[in-house]
Amino acid sequence: MKIAINKILREKEKEKKKSKFIKKNNYTIFVLLGLILGLMLLIYPYIGQMISRNIQNKKIEEFKKIMQLHDDRDEKEILSRKIGEMLGYIEIEKIDLSLPIYNGTTDEILLNGIGYMKINTDIILFGHSGISTKILFDNLFKLSKEDEFKINILGNEKKCIVINIEKMSMSEFNRFIEKIEIQKYNNNNNIILVTCTPKYINTHRLVISGIEKE
């Protein structure tokens, strides 16, 4: 009888140890899965940025090759381009930026590159800030007066210099656009870069005005 009872007790003790072992292993697995998931969430934006940058660089290189085959680029060709078609690219060496420019400013365009708008003789380039998987105009705030940037529209390159930097509320920005529409801003022929600020809040617009270098 005693032997049978001792056997039962030993079996129960084994079951307890086994149960503790399983619980401990389950906890370890849970912790490891949590760490892996956290790591993936941390690196996901950076992976997205690298992929996005490679895609953008390829598009720019393809565009350059196409432009080498055309010599009759003018304003009429820009006007004939459909909304969403690639017009060129912008390069800002100071912030290591090279991005494609597309005709128009739709949400889809601004998610993939820089939007192009021309009002009278002024070119306005719009770009997002704060998209976690892409670097667009996020670092525009690092520019200062007299910094340089380049834009290439259908093979026509303009080397530009920053002459003015302003942070505007939406009402101020709307009045700024009205000035451009009636040709009363800085003697015209400006190249203007626009993005949202502060990042992720987007209540204002950072407006950087440049002119072509002589």
N, C-alpha and C. Protein backbone atom coordinates (compact mmCIF):
# COMPACT_ATOMS: atom_id res chain seq x y z
N MET A 1 0.83 -1.22 0.00
CA MET A 1 0.00 0.00 0.00
C MET A 1 0.85 1.26 0.00
N LYS A 2 1.86 1.24 0.95
CA LYS A 2 2.75 2.40 1.02
C LYS A 2 3.50 2.62 -0.29
N ILE A 3 3.88 1.52 -0.93
CA ILE A 3 4.61 1.60 -2.21
C ILE A 3 3.75 2.26 -3.27
N ALA A 4 2.47 1.89 -3.29
CA ALA A 4 1.54 2.46 -4.27
C ALA A 4 1.35 3.95 -4.04
N ILE A 5 1.19 4.31 -2.74
CA ILE A 5 1.00 5.75 -2.42
C ILE A 5 2.24 6.55 -2.80
N ASN A 6 3.42 6.03 -2.47
CA ASN A 6 4.68 6.73 -2.82
C ASN A 6 4.83 6.90 -4.33
N LYS A 7 4.40 5.90 -5.06
CA LYS A 7 4.46 5.95 -6.53
C LYS A 7 3.56 7.05 -7.06
N ILE A 8 2.36 7.13 -6.47
CA ILE A 8 1.41 8.18 -6.90
C ILE A 8 1.97 9.57 -6.60
N LEU A 9 2.57 9.70 -5.40
CA LEU A 9 3.15 11.00 -5.01
C LEU A 9 4.30 11.41 -5.93
N ARG A 10 5.13 10.39 -6.26
CA ARG A 10 6.25 10.69 -7.18
C ARG A 10 5.74 11.13 -8.55
N GLU A 11 4.66 10.49 -9.01
CA GLU A 11 4.07 10.85 -10.31
C GLU A 11 3.53 12.28 -10.29
N LYS A 12 2.87 12.59 -9.16
CA LYS A 12 2.34 13.96 -9.03
C LYS A 12 3.46 15.00 -9.00
N GLU A 13 4.56 14.66 -8.33
CA GLU A 13 5.70 15.58 -8.27
C GLU A 13 6.31 15.79 -9.65
N LYS A 14 6.38 14.68 -10.41
CA LYS A 14 6.88 14.78 -11.79
C LYS A 14 5.99 15.68 -12.63
N GLU A 15 4.67 15.54 -12.43
CA GLU A 15 3.71 16.34 -13.19
C GLU A 15 3.86 17.82 -12.85
N LYS A 16 4.07 18.11 -11.55
CA LYS A 16 4.26 19.50 -11.13
C LYS A 16 5.51 20.11 -11.77
N LYS A 17 6.60 19.33 -11.74
CA LYS A 17 7.85 19.81 -12.33
C LYS A 17 7.71 20.03 -13.84
N LYS A 18 7.00 19.09 -14.46
CA LYS A 18 6.77 19.19 -15.90
C LYS A 18 5.95 20.44 -16.23
N SER A 19 4.92 20.66 -15.39
CA SER A 19 4.05 21.83 -15.59
C SER A 19 4.83 23.13 -15.42
N LYS A 20 5.68 23.18 -14.37
CA LYS A 20 6.52 24.37 -14.15
C LYS A 20 7.46 24.61 -15.33
N PHE A 21 8.04 23.51 -15.83
CA PHE A 21 8.97 23.60 -16.96
C PHE A 21 8.27 24.17 -18.20
N ILE A 22 7.04 23.65 -18.46
CA ILE A 22 6.28 24.12 -19.61
C ILE A 22 5.93 25.61 -19.47
N LYS A 23 5.47 25.97 -18.25
CA LYS A 23 5.13 27.38 -18.00
C LYS A 23 6.34 28.29 -18.20
N LYS A 24 7.49 27.84 -17.68
CA LYS A 24 8.72 28.62 -17.81
C LYS A 24 9.12 28.78 -19.27
N ASN A 25 9.01 27.67 -20.02
CA ASN A 25 9.34 27.72 -21.46
C ASN A 25 8.38 28.62 -22.22
N ASN A 26 7.10 28.53 -21.88
CA ASN A 26 6.09 29.38 -22.53
C ASN A 26 6.38 30.86 -22.27
N TYR A 27 6.76 31.16 -21.02
CA TYR A 27 7.08 32.55 -20.68
C TYR A 27 8.30 33.03 -21.46
N THR A 28 9.32 32.17 -21.57
CA THR A 28 10.54 32.51 -22.31
C THR A 28 10.22 32.77 -23.79
N ILE A 29 9.39 31.89 -24.36
CA ILE A 29 9.00 32.05 -25.76
C ILE A 29 8.23 33.35 -25.96
N PHE A 30 7.32 33.62 -25.01
CA PHE A 30 6.52 34.86 -25.08
C PHE A 30 7.42 36.09 -25.06
N VAL A 31 8.41 36.09 -24.15
CA VAL A 31 9.35 37.23 -24.03
C VAL A 31 10.15 37.39 -25.32
N LEU A 32 10.65 36.26 -25.85
CA LEU A 32 11.43 36.31 -27.09
C LEU A 32 10.61 36.83 -28.26
N LEU A 33 9.36 36.37 -28.36
CA LEU A 33 8.48 36.86 -29.43
C LEU A 33 8.23 38.35 -29.29
N GLY A 34 8.07 38.80 -28.04
CA GLY A 34 7.87 40.23 -27.79
C GLY A 34 9.08 41.05 -28.22
N LEU A 35 10.29 40.54 -27.87
CA LEU A 35 11.52 41.24 -28.26
C LEU A 35 11.68 41.29 -29.77
N ILE A 36 11.38 40.17 -30.44
CA ILE A 36 11.50 40.12 -31.91
C ILE A 36 10.52 41.09 -32.56
N LEU A 37 9.27 41.10 -32.05
CA LEU A 37 8.26 42.01 -32.59
C LEU A 37 8.67 43.47 -32.39
N GLY A 38 9.19 43.77 -31.17
CA GLY A 38 9.64 45.14 -30.88
C GLY A 38 10.77 45.57 -31.80
N LEU A 39 11.71 44.65 -32.03
CA LEU A 39 12.84 44.93 -32.91
C LEU A 39 12.37 45.18 -34.33
N MET A 40 11.40 44.37 -34.77
CA MET A 40 10.86 44.54 -36.13
C MET A 40 10.18 45.90 -36.28
N LEU A 41 9.45 46.31 -35.26
CA LEU A 41 8.77 47.61 -35.31
C LEU A 41 9.78 48.76 -35.34
N LEU A 42 10.92 48.56 -34.65
CA LEU A 42 11.96 49.60 -34.62
C LEU A 42 12.67 49.75 -35.96
N ILE A 43 12.97 48.61 -36.60
CA ILE A 43 13.75 48.67 -37.84
C ILE A 43 12.89 48.83 -39.08
N TYR A 44 11.58 48.58 -38.95
CA TYR A 44 10.70 48.66 -40.12
C TYR A 44 10.79 50.00 -40.86
N PRO A 45 10.72 51.15 -40.15
CA PRO A 45 10.82 52.44 -40.88
C PRO A 45 12.13 52.58 -41.65
N TYR A 46 13.24 52.12 -41.07
CA TYR A 46 14.53 52.27 -41.73
C TYR A 46 14.63 51.39 -42.97
N ILE A 47 14.06 50.19 -42.88
CA ILE A 47 14.04 49.32 -44.05
C ILE A 47 13.19 49.96 -45.15
N GLY A 48 12.04 50.51 -44.75
CA GLY A 48 11.16 51.19 -45.70
C GLY A 48 11.86 52.37 -46.36
N GLN A 49 12.62 53.13 -45.57
CA GLN A 49 13.35 54.28 -46.11
C GLN A 49 14.39 53.85 -47.14
N MET A 50 15.11 52.77 -46.85
CA MET A 50 16.13 52.27 -47.78
C MET A 50 15.51 51.80 -49.08
N ILE A 51 14.40 51.06 -48.96
CA ILE A 51 13.71 50.58 -50.16
C ILE A 51 13.19 51.75 -50.98
N SER A 52 12.57 52.72 -50.30
CA SER A 52 12.03 53.89 -50.98
C SER A 52 13.13 54.68 -51.69
N ARG A 53 14.26 54.85 -51.03
CA ARG A 53 15.36 55.61 -51.62
C ARG A 53 15.91 54.91 -52.85
N ASN A 54 16.05 53.59 -52.79
CA ASN A 54 16.53 52.83 -53.95
C ASN A 54 15.58 52.97 -55.14
N ILE A 55 14.28 52.90 -54.86
CA ILE A 55 13.28 53.06 -55.93
C ILE A 55 13.37 54.44 -56.55
N GLN A 56 13.48 55.46 -55.70
CA GLN A 56 13.55 56.84 -56.20
C GLN A 56 14.81 57.07 -57.03
N ASN A 57 15.94 56.53 -56.56
CA ASN A 57 17.19 56.69 -57.30
C ASN A 57 17.13 56.01 -58.68
N LYS A 58 16.49 54.84 -58.72
CA LYS A 58 16.34 54.14 -60.00
C LYS A 58 15.48 54.95 -60.97
N LYS A 59 14.42 55.54 -60.46
CA LYS A 59 13.54 56.35 -61.31
C LYS A 59 14.29 57.55 -61.87
N ILE A 60 15.12 58.17 -61.04
CA ILE A 60 15.90 59.33 -61.49
C ILE A 60 16.90 58.93 -62.56
N GLU A 61 17.58 57.81 -62.35
CA GLU A 61 18.55 57.34 -63.34
C GLU A 61 17.88 57.00 -64.67
N GLU A 62 16.72 56.35 -64.59
CA GLU A 62 15.97 56.03 -65.81
C GLU A 62 15.54 57.30 -66.52
N PHE A 63 15.11 58.29 -65.74
CA PHE A 63 14.67 59.57 -66.31
C PHE A 63 15.83 60.27 -67.02
N LYS A 64 17.00 60.26 -66.41
CA LYS A 64 18.17 60.89 -67.02
C LYS A 64 18.49 60.26 -68.37
N LYS A 65 18.40 58.93 -68.43
CA LYS A 65 18.67 58.23 -69.70
C LYS A 65 17.67 58.62 -70.78
N ILE A 66 16.40 58.73 -70.39
CA ILE A 66 15.36 59.12 -71.35
C ILE A 66 15.60 60.54 -71.85
N MET A 67 15.96 61.44 -70.92
CA MET A 67 16.16 62.85 -71.30
C MET A 67 17.33 63.03 -72.25
N GLN A 68 18.30 62.13 -72.18
CA GLN A 68 19.46 62.23 -73.09
C GLN A 68 19.06 62.01 -74.54
N LEU A 69 17.90 61.40 -74.75
CA LEU A 69 17.44 61.11 -76.10
C LEU A 69 16.57 62.22 -76.68
N HIS A 70 16.25 63.22 -75.86
CA HIS A 70 15.37 64.31 -76.31
C HIS A 70 16.10 65.64 -76.23
N ASP A 71 15.93 66.44 -77.28
CA ASP A 71 16.58 67.76 -77.30
C ASP A 71 15.58 68.91 -77.46
N ASP A 72 14.30 68.58 -77.57
CA ASP A 72 13.31 69.63 -77.85
C ASP A 72 12.39 69.86 -76.66
N ARG A 73 12.97 69.99 -75.48
CA ARG A 73 12.16 70.17 -74.28
C ARG A 73 11.85 71.65 -74.09
N ASP A 74 10.59 71.95 -73.84
CA ASP A 74 10.20 73.34 -73.58
C ASP A 74 8.96 73.36 -72.71
N GLU A 75 8.43 74.56 -72.48
CA GLU A 75 7.27 74.73 -71.61
C GLU A 75 6.06 73.95 -72.12
N LYS A 76 5.92 73.86 -73.43
CA LYS A 76 4.77 73.14 -74.00
C LYS A 76 4.80 71.67 -73.61
N GLU A 77 6.01 71.09 -73.54
CA GLU A 77 6.12 69.68 -73.17
C GLU A 77 5.70 69.48 -71.72
N ILE A 78 6.06 70.43 -70.85
CA ILE A 78 5.64 70.34 -69.45
C ILE A 78 4.12 70.37 -69.36
N LEU A 79 3.51 71.29 -70.10
CA LEU A 79 2.06 71.43 -70.06
C LEU A 79 1.35 70.20 -70.61
N SER A 80 2.03 69.49 -71.52
CA SER A 80 1.41 68.30 -72.12
C SER A 80 1.52 67.06 -71.23
N ARG A 81 2.33 67.16 -70.19
CA ARG A 81 2.50 66.01 -69.30
C ARG A 81 1.26 65.82 -68.43
N LYS A 82 0.84 64.58 -68.28
CA LYS A 82 -0.33 64.27 -67.47
C LYS A 82 0.00 64.38 -65.99
N ILE A 83 -1.05 64.60 -65.18
CA ILE A 83 -0.87 64.61 -63.74
C ILE A 83 -0.31 63.26 -63.29
N GLY A 84 0.76 63.32 -62.51
CA GLY A 84 1.39 62.09 -62.02
C GLY A 84 2.60 61.67 -62.83
N GLU A 85 2.80 62.25 -64.01
CA GLU A 85 3.98 61.90 -64.80
C GLU A 85 5.23 62.57 -64.22
N MET A 86 6.35 61.88 -64.35
CA MET A 86 7.60 62.42 -63.83
C MET A 86 8.11 63.54 -64.73
N LEU A 87 8.46 64.66 -64.08
CA LEU A 87 8.99 65.83 -64.82
C LEU A 87 10.50 65.99 -64.65
N GLY A 88 11.03 65.47 -63.56
CA GLY A 88 12.46 65.68 -63.30
C GLY A 88 12.83 65.26 -61.89
N TYR A 89 13.76 66.00 -61.31
CA TYR A 89 14.21 65.65 -59.96
C TYR A 89 14.84 66.85 -59.29
N ILE A 90 14.95 66.77 -57.97
CA ILE A 90 15.60 67.80 -57.18
C ILE A 90 16.76 67.18 -56.42
N GLU A 91 17.85 67.90 -56.31
CA GLU A 91 19.02 67.44 -55.55
C GLU A 91 19.45 68.53 -54.59
N ILE A 92 19.60 68.17 -53.32
CA ILE A 92 20.10 69.11 -52.31
C ILE A 92 21.27 68.43 -51.60
N GLU A 93 22.45 68.80 -51.98
CA GLU A 93 23.65 68.11 -51.48
C GLU A 93 23.79 68.24 -49.97
N LYS A 94 23.44 69.40 -49.40
CA LYS A 94 23.65 69.63 -47.97
C LYS A 94 22.92 68.60 -47.11
N ILE A 95 21.75 68.18 -47.55
CA ILE A 95 20.98 67.21 -46.76
C ILE A 95 20.91 65.84 -47.44
N ASP A 96 21.81 65.62 -48.40
CA ASP A 96 21.91 64.33 -49.09
C ASP A 96 20.56 63.89 -49.65
N LEU A 97 19.94 64.79 -50.41
CA LEU A 97 18.59 64.55 -50.92
C LEU A 97 18.58 64.47 -52.44
N SER A 98 17.90 63.47 -52.96
CA SER A 98 17.70 63.33 -54.40
C SER A 98 16.33 62.68 -54.59
N LEU A 99 15.38 63.45 -55.13
CA LEU A 99 14.01 62.97 -55.22
C LEU A 99 13.38 63.27 -56.57
N PRO A 100 12.53 62.37 -57.06
CA PRO A 100 11.83 62.62 -58.32
C PRO A 100 10.75 63.70 -58.15
N ILE A 101 10.53 64.45 -59.21
CA ILE A 101 9.49 65.49 -59.23
C ILE A 101 8.40 65.04 -60.20
N TYR A 102 7.14 65.09 -59.74
CA TYR A 102 6.01 64.67 -60.56
C TYR A 102 5.08 65.85 -60.83
N ASN A 103 4.41 65.79 -61.96
CA ASN A 103 3.47 66.84 -62.33
C ASN A 103 2.21 66.74 -61.47
N GLY A 104 1.93 67.79 -60.69
CA GLY A 104 0.75 67.80 -59.84
C GLY A 104 1.08 67.67 -58.37
N THR A 105 0.04 67.77 -57.54
CA THR A 105 0.25 67.71 -56.08
C THR A 105 -0.81 66.83 -55.42
N THR A 106 -1.20 65.76 -56.07
CA THR A 106 -2.20 64.85 -55.49
C THR A 106 -1.58 64.09 -54.32
N ASP A 107 -2.44 63.47 -53.50
CA ASP A 107 -1.96 62.70 -52.35
C ASP A 107 -1.02 61.58 -52.80
N GLU A 108 -1.37 60.90 -53.88
CA GLU A 108 -0.54 59.79 -54.37
C GLU A 108 0.84 60.28 -54.78
N ILE A 109 0.89 61.44 -55.47
CA ILE A 109 2.18 62.01 -55.88
C ILE A 109 3.03 62.34 -54.66
N LEU A 110 2.42 62.98 -53.67
CA LEU A 110 3.18 63.43 -52.50
C LEU A 110 3.60 62.27 -51.60
N LEU A 111 3.00 61.11 -51.78
CA LEU A 111 3.44 59.94 -51.04
C LEU A 111 4.65 59.28 -51.68
N ASN A 112 4.92 59.62 -52.94
CA ASN A 112 5.99 58.95 -53.69
C ASN A 112 7.13 59.87 -54.12
N GLY A 113 6.96 61.17 -53.95
CA GLY A 113 8.01 62.08 -54.37
C GLY A 113 7.58 63.52 -54.15
N ILE A 114 8.05 64.39 -55.03
CA ILE A 114 7.81 65.83 -54.90
C ILE A 114 6.80 66.28 -55.96
N GLY A 115 5.85 67.09 -55.53
CA GLY A 115 4.82 67.59 -56.43
C GLY A 115 5.22 68.92 -57.07
N TYR A 116 4.87 69.08 -58.34
CA TYR A 116 5.25 70.27 -59.12
C TYR A 116 4.02 71.12 -59.44
N MET A 117 4.16 72.40 -59.18
CA MET A 117 3.13 73.36 -59.57
C MET A 117 3.82 74.61 -60.10
N LYS A 118 3.31 75.18 -61.17
CA LYS A 118 3.87 76.44 -61.68
C LYS A 118 2.77 77.48 -61.72
N ILE A 119 3.04 78.61 -61.05
CA ILE A 119 2.11 79.74 -61.06
C ILE A 119 2.84 80.92 -61.68
N ASN A 120 2.33 81.37 -62.82
CA ASN A 120 3.02 82.40 -63.60
C ASN A 120 4.45 81.96 -63.89
N THR A 121 5.45 82.67 -63.37
CA THR A 121 6.84 82.27 -63.65
C THR A 121 7.51 81.60 -62.45
N ASP A 122 6.74 81.34 -61.39
CA ASP A 122 7.30 80.73 -60.19
C ASP A 122 7.03 79.22 -60.16
N ILE A 123 8.05 78.45 -59.84
CA ILE A 123 7.91 77.00 -59.67
C ILE A 123 7.79 76.71 -58.18
N ILE A 124 6.75 75.94 -57.80
CA ILE A 124 6.56 75.57 -56.41
C ILE A 124 6.64 74.04 -56.30
N LEU A 125 7.49 73.57 -55.43
CA LEU A 125 7.69 72.13 -55.22
C LEU A 125 7.21 71.75 -53.82
N PHE A 126 6.26 70.83 -53.75
CA PHE A 126 5.67 70.41 -52.49
C PHE A 126 6.17 69.02 -52.10
N GLY A 127 6.50 68.84 -50.83
CA GLY A 127 6.94 67.53 -50.36
C GLY A 127 6.51 67.28 -48.92
N HIS A 128 6.16 66.05 -48.61
CA HIS A 128 5.75 65.68 -47.25
C HIS A 128 6.93 65.62 -46.30
N SER A 129 6.62 65.73 -45.02
CA SER A 129 7.55 65.43 -43.93
C SER A 129 6.84 64.51 -42.95
N GLY A 130 7.57 63.58 -42.37
CA GLY A 130 6.99 62.78 -41.30
C GLY A 130 6.41 61.44 -41.71
N ILE A 131 6.63 61.00 -42.96
CA ILE A 131 6.22 59.65 -43.34
C ILE A 131 7.31 58.69 -42.86
N SER A 132 6.95 57.77 -41.98
CA SER A 132 7.97 56.97 -41.28
C SER A 132 8.83 56.13 -42.22
N THR A 133 8.26 55.67 -43.33
CA THR A 133 9.00 54.76 -44.22
C THR A 133 9.67 55.49 -45.38
N LYS A 134 9.60 56.83 -45.41
CA LYS A 134 10.19 57.58 -46.52
C LYS A 134 10.81 58.88 -46.02
N ILE A 135 11.92 59.26 -46.63
CA ILE A 135 12.52 60.56 -46.36
C ILE A 135 12.24 61.43 -47.58
N LEU A 136 11.38 62.42 -47.42
CA LEU A 136 11.05 63.33 -48.52
C LEU A 136 11.62 64.71 -48.17
N PHE A 137 10.77 65.66 -47.77
CA PHE A 137 11.29 66.98 -47.39
C PHE A 137 11.50 67.09 -45.88
N ASP A 138 11.74 65.96 -45.20
CA ASP A 138 11.88 65.95 -43.74
C ASP A 138 12.99 66.85 -43.22
N ASN A 139 14.10 66.93 -43.96
CA ASN A 139 15.27 67.67 -43.47
C ASN A 139 15.43 69.05 -44.10
N LEU A 140 14.36 69.52 -44.70
CA LEU A 140 14.41 70.84 -45.33
C LEU A 140 14.74 71.94 -44.32
N PHE A 141 14.36 71.71 -43.07
CA PHE A 141 14.60 72.71 -42.02
C PHE A 141 16.08 72.96 -41.77
N LYS A 142 16.95 72.07 -42.27
CA LYS A 142 18.40 72.23 -42.06
C LYS A 142 19.02 73.23 -43.02
N LEU A 143 18.24 73.67 -44.02
CA LEU A 143 18.78 74.61 -44.99
C LEU A 143 18.85 76.02 -44.41
N SER A 144 19.82 76.78 -44.89
CA SER A 144 20.01 78.18 -44.49
C SER A 144 20.08 79.05 -45.74
N LYS A 145 20.01 80.35 -45.53
CA LYS A 145 20.16 81.28 -46.65
C LYS A 145 21.52 81.07 -47.31
N GLU A 146 21.52 81.16 -48.61
CA GLU A 146 22.71 81.00 -49.47
C GLU A 146 23.10 79.54 -49.67
N ASP A 147 22.38 78.61 -49.07
CA ASP A 147 22.60 77.20 -49.42
C ASP A 147 22.12 76.97 -50.85
N GLU A 148 22.67 75.93 -51.48
CA GLU A 148 22.36 75.69 -52.89
C GLU A 148 21.58 74.39 -53.09
N PHE A 149 20.78 74.36 -54.13
CA PHE A 149 20.11 73.14 -54.54
C PHE A 149 19.92 73.17 -56.06
N LYS A 150 19.64 72.00 -56.63
CA LYS A 150 19.45 71.91 -58.08
C LYS A 150 18.11 71.27 -58.39
N ILE A 151 17.46 71.77 -59.43
CA ILE A 151 16.30 71.06 -59.95
C ILE A 151 16.54 70.82 -61.45
N ASN A 152 16.03 69.71 -61.91
CA ASN A 152 16.13 69.38 -63.33
C ASN A 152 14.73 69.06 -63.82
N ILE A 153 14.21 69.89 -64.70
CA ILE A 153 12.88 69.71 -65.25
C ILE A 153 13.00 69.38 -66.73
N LEU A 154 12.66 68.15 -67.08
CA LEU A 154 12.75 67.67 -68.46
C LEU A 154 14.12 67.94 -69.09
N GLY A 155 15.16 67.74 -68.29
CA GLY A 155 16.52 67.89 -68.80
C GLY A 155 17.09 69.29 -68.67
N ASN A 156 16.26 70.26 -68.30
CA ASN A 156 16.72 71.65 -68.12
C ASN A 156 17.10 71.86 -66.65
N GLU A 157 18.38 71.98 -66.40
CA GLU A 157 18.86 72.08 -65.02
C GLU A 157 18.94 73.53 -64.57
N LYS A 158 18.48 73.76 -63.33
CA LYS A 158 18.61 75.08 -62.71
C LYS A 158 19.39 74.92 -61.41
N LYS A 159 20.48 75.66 -61.29
CA LYS A 159 21.23 75.71 -60.04
C LYS A 159 20.70 76.90 -59.25
N CYS A 160 20.22 76.61 -58.04
CA CYS A 160 19.50 77.62 -57.28
C CYS A 160 20.20 77.94 -55.96
N ILE A 161 19.88 79.09 -55.43
CA ILE A 161 20.41 79.51 -54.14
C ILE A 161 19.26 79.99 -53.26
N VAL A 162 19.28 79.59 -51.99
CA VAL A 162 18.22 79.98 -51.06
C VAL A 162 18.34 81.45 -50.70
N ILE A 163 17.23 82.19 -50.83
CA ILE A 163 17.25 83.63 -50.51
C ILE A 163 16.33 83.98 -49.34
N ASN A 164 15.40 83.06 -49.01
CA ASN A 164 14.46 83.39 -47.93
C ASN A 164 13.87 82.11 -47.32
N ILE A 165 13.71 82.11 -46.00
CA ILE A 165 13.12 80.98 -45.29
C ILE A 165 12.06 81.51 -44.33
N GLU A 166 10.85 80.97 -44.44
CA GLU A 166 9.76 81.42 -43.57
C GLU A 166 8.93 80.24 -43.08
N LYS A 167 8.42 80.38 -41.86
CA LYS A 167 7.43 79.43 -41.35
C LYS A 167 6.09 80.16 -41.32
N MET A 168 5.10 79.62 -42.01
CA MET A 168 3.82 80.32 -42.17
C MET A 168 2.67 79.49 -41.64
N SER A 169 1.68 80.18 -41.07
CA SER A 169 0.42 79.51 -40.77
C SER A 169 -0.29 79.25 -42.09
N MET A 170 -1.36 78.47 -42.07
CA MET A 170 -2.07 78.17 -43.31
C MET A 170 -2.67 79.42 -43.94
N SER A 171 -3.17 80.33 -43.11
CA SER A 171 -3.74 81.57 -43.67
C SER A 171 -2.64 82.43 -44.29
N GLU A 172 -1.48 82.47 -43.64
CA GLU A 172 -0.34 83.22 -44.22
C GLU A 172 0.12 82.58 -45.52
N PHE A 173 0.13 81.25 -45.54
CA PHE A 173 0.55 80.56 -46.75
C PHE A 173 -0.42 80.81 -47.90
N ASN A 174 -1.70 80.83 -47.61
CA ASN A 174 -2.70 81.12 -48.65
C ASN A 174 -2.51 82.52 -49.22
N ARG A 175 -2.21 83.48 -48.34
CA ARG A 175 -1.95 84.85 -48.82
C ARG A 175 -0.68 84.90 -49.65
N PHE A 176 0.30 84.10 -49.25
CA PHE A 176 1.56 84.01 -50.00
C PHE A 176 1.30 83.51 -51.42
N ILE A 177 0.47 82.48 -51.56
CA ILE A 177 0.12 81.95 -52.89
C ILE A 177 -0.63 83.01 -53.70
N GLU A 178 -1.48 83.77 -53.04
CA GLU A 178 -2.22 84.85 -53.74
C GLU A 178 -1.26 85.88 -54.31
N LYS A 179 -0.20 86.20 -53.55
CA LYS A 179 0.81 87.15 -54.05
C LYS A 179 1.46 86.63 -55.32
N ILE A 180 1.78 85.33 -55.31
CA ILE A 180 2.41 84.72 -56.48
C ILE A 180 1.46 84.78 -57.68
N GLU A 181 0.17 84.53 -57.40
CA GLU A 181 -0.82 84.52 -58.49
C GLU A 181 -0.95 85.88 -59.16
N ILE A 182 -0.73 86.96 -58.39
CA ILE A 182 -0.80 88.31 -59.00
C ILE A 182 0.59 88.88 -59.27
N GLN A 183 1.59 87.98 -59.23
CA GLN A 183 2.97 88.33 -59.59
C GLN A 183 3.53 89.47 -58.73
N LYS A 184 3.37 89.33 -57.44
CA LYS A 184 3.89 90.37 -56.55
C LYS A 184 4.82 89.78 -55.50
N TYR A 185 5.54 88.73 -55.87
CA TYR A 185 6.45 88.13 -54.91
C TYR A 185 7.86 88.10 -55.46
N ASN A 186 8.72 88.91 -54.88
CA ASN A 186 10.16 88.85 -55.14
C ASN A 186 10.54 88.86 -56.62
N ASN A 187 9.88 89.67 -57.41
CA ASN A 187 10.23 89.86 -58.83
C ASN A 187 10.11 88.60 -59.68
N ASN A 188 9.36 87.61 -59.16
CA ASN A 188 9.06 86.40 -59.94
C ASN A 188 10.30 85.52 -60.21
N ASN A 189 10.09 84.45 -61.02
CA ASN A 189 11.14 83.47 -61.35
C ASN A 189 11.75 82.82 -60.11
N ASN A 190 10.90 82.53 -59.12
CA ASN A 190 11.36 81.87 -57.90
C ASN A 190 11.19 80.36 -58.01
N ILE A 191 12.02 79.64 -57.30
CA ILE A 191 11.84 78.21 -57.12
C ILE A 191 11.59 78.02 -55.63
N ILE A 192 10.37 77.59 -55.28
CA ILE A 192 9.93 77.59 -53.89
C ILE A 192 9.69 76.16 -53.41
N LEU A 193 10.29 75.82 -52.28
CA LEU A 193 10.16 74.49 -51.68
C LEU A 193 9.23 74.60 -50.47
N VAL A 194 8.25 73.70 -50.40
CA VAL A 194 7.24 73.79 -49.33
C VAL A 194 7.05 72.43 -48.67
N THR A 195 7.01 72.43 -47.33
CA THR A 195 6.67 71.21 -46.59
C THR A 195 5.92 71.58 -45.33
N CYS A 196 5.33 70.56 -44.68
CA CYS A 196 4.58 70.79 -43.45
C CYS A 196 5.53 70.87 -42.25
N THR A 197 5.12 71.63 -41.26
CA THR A 197 5.89 71.77 -40.03
C THR A 197 4.93 72.17 -38.91
N PRO A 198 5.18 71.82 -37.64
CA PRO A 198 6.18 70.87 -37.16
C PRO A 198 5.85 69.45 -37.64
N LYS A 199 6.86 68.63 -37.72
CA LYS A 199 6.68 67.26 -38.20
C LYS A 199 5.66 66.53 -37.33
N TYR A 200 4.76 65.82 -37.99
CA TYR A 200 3.68 65.03 -37.37
C TYR A 200 2.52 65.88 -36.86
N ILE A 201 2.71 67.20 -36.78
CA ILE A 201 1.63 68.07 -36.31
C ILE A 201 1.02 68.84 -37.49
N ASN A 202 1.92 69.39 -38.34
CA ASN A 202 1.54 69.93 -39.65
C ASN A 202 0.58 71.12 -39.60
N THR A 203 0.73 71.97 -38.60
CA THR A 203 -0.15 73.14 -38.51
C THR A 203 0.36 74.31 -39.36
N HIS A 204 1.64 74.28 -39.72
CA HIS A 204 2.25 75.37 -40.48
C HIS A 204 2.94 74.84 -41.73
N ARG A 205 3.45 75.77 -42.53
CA ARG A 205 4.20 75.41 -43.73
C ARG A 205 5.58 76.07 -43.67
N LEU A 206 6.60 75.24 -43.92
CA LEU A 206 7.96 75.76 -44.06
C LEU A 206 8.15 76.10 -45.53
N VAL A 207 8.44 77.35 -45.81
CA VAL A 207 8.54 77.84 -47.19
C VAL A 207 9.94 78.36 -47.44
N ILE A 208 10.65 77.69 -48.34
CA ILE A 208 12.03 78.08 -48.66
C ILE A 208 12.07 78.58 -50.11
N SER A 209 12.42 79.84 -50.26
CA SER A 209 12.43 80.45 -51.59
C SER A 209 13.85 80.54 -52.13
N GLY A 210 14.00 80.17 -53.39
CA GLY A 210 15.29 80.26 -54.05
C GLY A 210 15.17 80.92 -55.40
N ILE A 211 16.30 81.32 -55.94
CA ILE A 211 16.35 81.85 -57.28
C ILE A 211 17.48 81.16 -58.03
N GLU A 212 17.39 81.17 -59.33
CA GLU A 212 18.43 80.53 -60.14
C GLU A 212 19.72 81.34 -60.03
N LYS A 213 20.84 80.64 -59.84
CA LYS A 213 22.13 81.32 -59.78
C LYS A 213 22.50 81.85 -61.15
N GLU A 214 23.11 83.02 -61.16
CA GLU A 214 23.54 83.60 -62.44
C GLU A 214 24.85 82.99 -62.90
